[in-house]
N, C-alpha and C. Protein backbone atom coordinates (compact mmCIF):
# COMPACT_ATOMS: atom_id res chain seq x y z
N MET A 1 19.14 12.67 -9.64
CA MET A 1 17.73 12.36 -9.78
C MET A 1 17.06 13.45 -10.59
N SER A 2 16.28 13.06 -11.56
CA SER A 2 15.63 13.99 -12.46
C SER A 2 14.29 14.45 -11.90
N THR A 3 13.99 15.73 -12.09
CA THR A 3 12.69 16.26 -11.67
C THR A 3 11.75 16.42 -12.85
N LYS A 4 12.14 15.92 -14.01
CA LYS A 4 11.30 16.02 -15.19
C LYS A 4 10.05 15.18 -15.00
N THR A 5 8.91 15.72 -15.42
CA THR A 5 7.67 14.98 -15.31
C THR A 5 7.34 14.31 -16.64
N TYR A 6 6.74 13.16 -16.56
CA TYR A 6 6.37 12.39 -17.74
C TYR A 6 4.85 12.30 -17.82
N PRO A 7 4.32 11.91 -18.98
CA PRO A 7 2.87 11.93 -19.16
C PRO A 7 2.08 11.14 -18.12
N GLY A 8 2.60 10.05 -17.62
CA GLY A 8 1.85 9.21 -16.70
C GLY A 8 1.95 9.60 -15.24
N ASP A 9 2.77 10.57 -14.92
CA ASP A 9 2.97 10.93 -13.51
C ASP A 9 1.68 11.40 -12.84
N ARG A 10 0.90 12.19 -13.56
CA ARG A 10 -0.35 12.69 -12.98
C ARG A 10 -1.34 11.54 -12.79
N LEU A 11 -1.36 10.59 -13.72
CA LEU A 11 -2.25 9.43 -13.58
C LEU A 11 -1.89 8.61 -12.34
N VAL A 12 -0.61 8.49 -12.05
CA VAL A 12 -0.18 7.74 -10.86
C VAL A 12 -0.69 8.44 -9.60
N ARG A 13 -0.58 9.76 -9.57
CA ARG A 13 -1.07 10.50 -8.39
C ARG A 13 -2.58 10.37 -8.24
N VAL A 14 -3.31 10.55 -9.35
CA VAL A 14 -4.77 10.44 -9.30
C VAL A 14 -5.18 9.03 -8.90
N GLY A 15 -4.50 8.03 -9.45
CA GLY A 15 -4.80 6.64 -9.09
C GLY A 15 -4.57 6.38 -7.62
N GLY A 16 -3.52 6.97 -7.06
CA GLY A 16 -3.26 6.81 -5.63
C GLY A 16 -4.35 7.44 -4.78
N ILE A 17 -4.84 8.59 -5.20
CA ILE A 17 -5.91 9.27 -4.46
C ILE A 17 -7.20 8.46 -4.53
N VAL A 18 -7.54 7.99 -5.74
CA VAL A 18 -8.76 7.20 -5.91
C VAL A 18 -8.66 5.90 -5.11
N PHE A 19 -7.48 5.28 -5.11
CA PHE A 19 -7.26 4.07 -4.33
C PHE A 19 -7.46 4.34 -2.84
N ALA A 20 -6.92 5.45 -2.36
CA ALA A 20 -7.04 5.79 -0.94
C ALA A 20 -8.49 6.03 -0.55
N ILE A 21 -9.26 6.67 -1.42
CA ILE A 21 -10.69 6.88 -1.14
C ILE A 21 -11.40 5.54 -1.06
N GLY A 22 -11.09 4.64 -1.98
CA GLY A 22 -11.69 3.31 -1.95
C GLY A 22 -11.29 2.53 -0.71
N ALA A 23 -10.04 2.67 -0.29
CA ALA A 23 -9.58 1.97 0.91
C ALA A 23 -10.28 2.50 2.16
N LEU A 24 -10.44 3.81 2.24
CA LEU A 24 -11.16 4.39 3.38
C LEU A 24 -12.62 3.94 3.39
N ALA A 25 -13.22 3.87 2.21
CA ALA A 25 -14.61 3.40 2.13
C ALA A 25 -14.71 1.94 2.55
N THR A 26 -13.71 1.15 2.19
CA THR A 26 -13.71 -0.25 2.59
C THR A 26 -13.64 -0.39 4.11
N ILE A 27 -12.77 0.38 4.71
CA ILE A 27 -12.65 0.34 6.17
C ILE A 27 -13.95 0.80 6.82
N ALA A 28 -14.55 1.85 6.27
CA ALA A 28 -15.79 2.38 6.84
C ALA A 28 -16.95 1.40 6.71
N THR A 29 -17.00 0.65 5.62
CA THR A 29 -18.12 -0.28 5.44
C THR A 29 -17.91 -1.61 6.17
N VAL A 30 -16.67 -1.97 6.45
CA VAL A 30 -16.41 -3.22 7.16
C VAL A 30 -16.51 -3.01 8.68
N ALA A 31 -16.21 -1.82 9.14
CA ALA A 31 -16.21 -1.55 10.58
C ALA A 31 -17.54 -1.89 11.25
N PRO A 32 -18.70 -1.52 10.70
CA PRO A 32 -19.96 -1.88 11.37
C PRO A 32 -20.18 -3.38 11.50
N LEU A 33 -19.61 -4.15 10.61
CA LEU A 33 -19.76 -5.60 10.70
C LEU A 33 -19.05 -6.14 11.94
N PHE A 34 -17.91 -5.53 12.28
CA PHE A 34 -17.17 -5.96 13.47
C PHE A 34 -17.72 -5.35 14.75
N LEU A 35 -18.31 -4.16 14.63
CA LEU A 35 -18.81 -3.47 15.81
C LEU A 35 -20.24 -3.86 16.17
N GLY A 36 -20.89 -4.62 15.29
CA GLY A 36 -22.24 -5.06 15.58
C GLY A 36 -23.31 -4.01 15.35
N THR A 37 -22.99 -2.96 14.65
CA THR A 37 -23.99 -1.91 14.36
C THR A 37 -24.66 -2.22 13.02
N SER A 38 -25.58 -1.37 12.64
CA SER A 38 -26.31 -1.60 11.39
C SER A 38 -25.40 -1.36 10.18
N ARG A 39 -25.72 -2.08 9.11
CA ARG A 39 -24.91 -1.99 7.89
C ARG A 39 -25.20 -0.70 7.13
N PHE A 40 -24.26 -0.30 6.30
CA PHE A 40 -24.46 0.84 5.42
C PHE A 40 -25.29 0.43 4.21
N PRO A 41 -25.88 1.40 3.50
CA PRO A 41 -26.62 1.05 2.29
C PRO A 41 -25.68 0.55 1.19
N THR A 42 -26.25 -0.04 0.18
CA THR A 42 -25.48 -0.65 -0.91
C THR A 42 -24.57 0.36 -1.60
N ALA A 43 -25.00 1.60 -1.70
CA ALA A 43 -24.20 2.62 -2.37
C ALA A 43 -22.84 2.79 -1.69
N ALA A 44 -22.80 2.64 -0.39
CA ALA A 44 -21.52 2.75 0.34
C ALA A 44 -20.58 1.62 -0.06
N TYR A 45 -21.13 0.45 -0.29
CA TYR A 45 -20.30 -0.68 -0.71
C TYR A 45 -19.80 -0.50 -2.15
N LEU A 46 -20.59 0.18 -2.96
CA LEU A 46 -20.16 0.44 -4.34
C LEU A 46 -18.97 1.41 -4.39
N VAL A 47 -18.89 2.31 -3.41
CA VAL A 47 -17.75 3.24 -3.35
C VAL A 47 -16.46 2.46 -3.10
N CYS A 48 -16.56 1.32 -2.46
CA CYS A 48 -15.38 0.48 -2.22
C CYS A 48 -14.73 0.03 -3.53
N MET A 49 -15.50 -0.01 -4.59
CA MET A 49 -14.97 -0.42 -5.90
C MET A 49 -13.99 0.60 -6.47
N LEU A 50 -13.86 1.75 -5.83
CA LEU A 50 -12.87 2.73 -6.27
C LEU A 50 -11.45 2.23 -6.02
N MET A 51 -11.29 1.32 -5.08
CA MET A 51 -9.96 0.82 -4.77
C MET A 51 -9.33 0.12 -5.98
N PRO A 52 -9.97 -0.87 -6.59
CA PRO A 52 -9.34 -1.48 -7.77
C PRO A 52 -9.29 -0.54 -8.97
N VAL A 53 -10.25 0.38 -9.06
CA VAL A 53 -10.21 1.35 -10.16
C VAL A 53 -8.99 2.25 -10.00
N GLY A 54 -8.73 2.71 -8.79
CA GLY A 54 -7.56 3.54 -8.54
C GLY A 54 -6.27 2.80 -8.81
N PHE A 55 -6.25 1.52 -8.47
CA PHE A 55 -5.07 0.69 -8.74
C PHE A 55 -4.83 0.60 -10.24
N ALA A 56 -5.90 0.39 -11.01
CA ALA A 56 -5.77 0.30 -12.47
C ALA A 56 -5.31 1.62 -13.07
N ILE A 57 -5.81 2.73 -12.57
CA ILE A 57 -5.39 4.05 -13.06
C ILE A 57 -3.90 4.25 -12.78
N ALA A 58 -3.46 3.90 -11.58
CA ALA A 58 -2.05 4.06 -11.22
C ALA A 58 -1.15 3.18 -12.09
N ILE A 59 -1.56 1.95 -12.36
CA ILE A 59 -0.78 1.06 -13.22
C ILE A 59 -0.70 1.63 -14.63
N ALA A 60 -1.82 2.15 -15.14
CA ALA A 60 -1.81 2.76 -16.48
C ALA A 60 -0.87 3.97 -16.51
N GLY A 61 -0.87 4.76 -15.46
CA GLY A 61 0.04 5.90 -15.39
C GLY A 61 1.48 5.47 -15.31
N LEU A 62 1.73 4.39 -14.59
CA LEU A 62 3.10 3.87 -14.49
C LEU A 62 3.60 3.40 -15.85
N VAL A 63 2.75 2.72 -16.60
CA VAL A 63 3.14 2.26 -17.94
C VAL A 63 3.40 3.45 -18.85
N ARG A 64 2.52 4.46 -18.79
CA ARG A 64 2.74 5.66 -19.62
C ARG A 64 4.03 6.38 -19.26
N SER A 65 4.32 6.45 -17.97
CA SER A 65 5.53 7.11 -17.52
C SER A 65 6.78 6.37 -18.00
N VAL A 66 6.75 5.04 -17.89
CA VAL A 66 7.89 4.24 -18.35
C VAL A 66 8.10 4.42 -19.84
N LEU A 67 7.01 4.40 -20.61
CA LEU A 67 7.14 4.58 -22.06
C LEU A 67 7.67 5.97 -22.40
N GLY A 68 7.26 6.98 -21.63
CA GLY A 68 7.77 8.33 -21.85
C GLY A 68 9.26 8.43 -21.54
N GLN A 69 9.70 7.75 -20.48
CA GLN A 69 11.12 7.75 -20.13
C GLN A 69 11.94 7.03 -21.20
N ARG A 70 11.42 5.91 -21.70
CA ARG A 70 12.12 5.18 -22.76
C ARG A 70 12.26 6.03 -24.02
N ARG A 71 11.17 6.74 -24.36
CA ARG A 71 11.19 7.60 -25.53
C ARG A 71 12.22 8.71 -25.37
N ALA A 72 12.29 9.30 -24.18
CA ALA A 72 13.24 10.39 -23.92
C ALA A 72 14.67 9.85 -24.00
N LEU A 73 14.92 8.66 -23.46
CA LEU A 73 16.25 8.08 -23.54
C LEU A 73 16.64 7.75 -24.98
N ALA A 74 15.69 7.27 -25.76
CA ALA A 74 15.97 6.95 -27.17
C ALA A 74 16.28 8.21 -27.95
N GLU A 75 15.55 9.29 -27.67
CA GLU A 75 15.82 10.56 -28.36
C GLU A 75 17.18 11.12 -27.97
N ALA A 76 17.54 10.99 -26.70
CA ALA A 76 18.84 11.48 -26.24
C ALA A 76 19.98 10.67 -26.87
N ALA A 77 19.79 9.36 -26.99
CA ALA A 77 20.82 8.52 -27.60
C ALA A 77 20.95 8.83 -29.07
N ALA A 78 19.84 9.09 -29.75
CA ALA A 78 19.88 9.43 -31.19
C ALA A 78 20.56 10.77 -31.39
N ALA A 79 20.34 11.72 -30.47
CA ALA A 79 20.97 13.02 -30.60
C ALA A 79 22.49 12.93 -30.39
N GLN A 80 22.92 12.03 -29.53
CA GLN A 80 24.36 11.86 -29.29
C GLN A 80 25.06 11.24 -30.48
N ARG A 81 24.35 10.32 -31.16
CA ARG A 81 24.96 9.67 -32.32
C ARG A 81 25.09 10.62 -33.50
N GLY A 82 24.25 11.60 -33.48
CA GLY A 82 24.48 12.59 -34.51
C GLY A 82 23.43 12.68 -35.51
């Protein structure tokens, strides 16, 4: 297993963190609806939109990482051929 990092690896991590923040916000804003307490302000619901944004960032990082791995493999194959 390789420990080499590729350009998209950091984006995947950041996307995961942003997704987790959005997921926690979603749980926090839905909980009062089930508990019968007062609702949060609209701004709290807007923070929930971080979940799909984080997912998109992670997917973009995954694509960048795959392209970086393909490029590295192509360069290694070209170097072997001479």
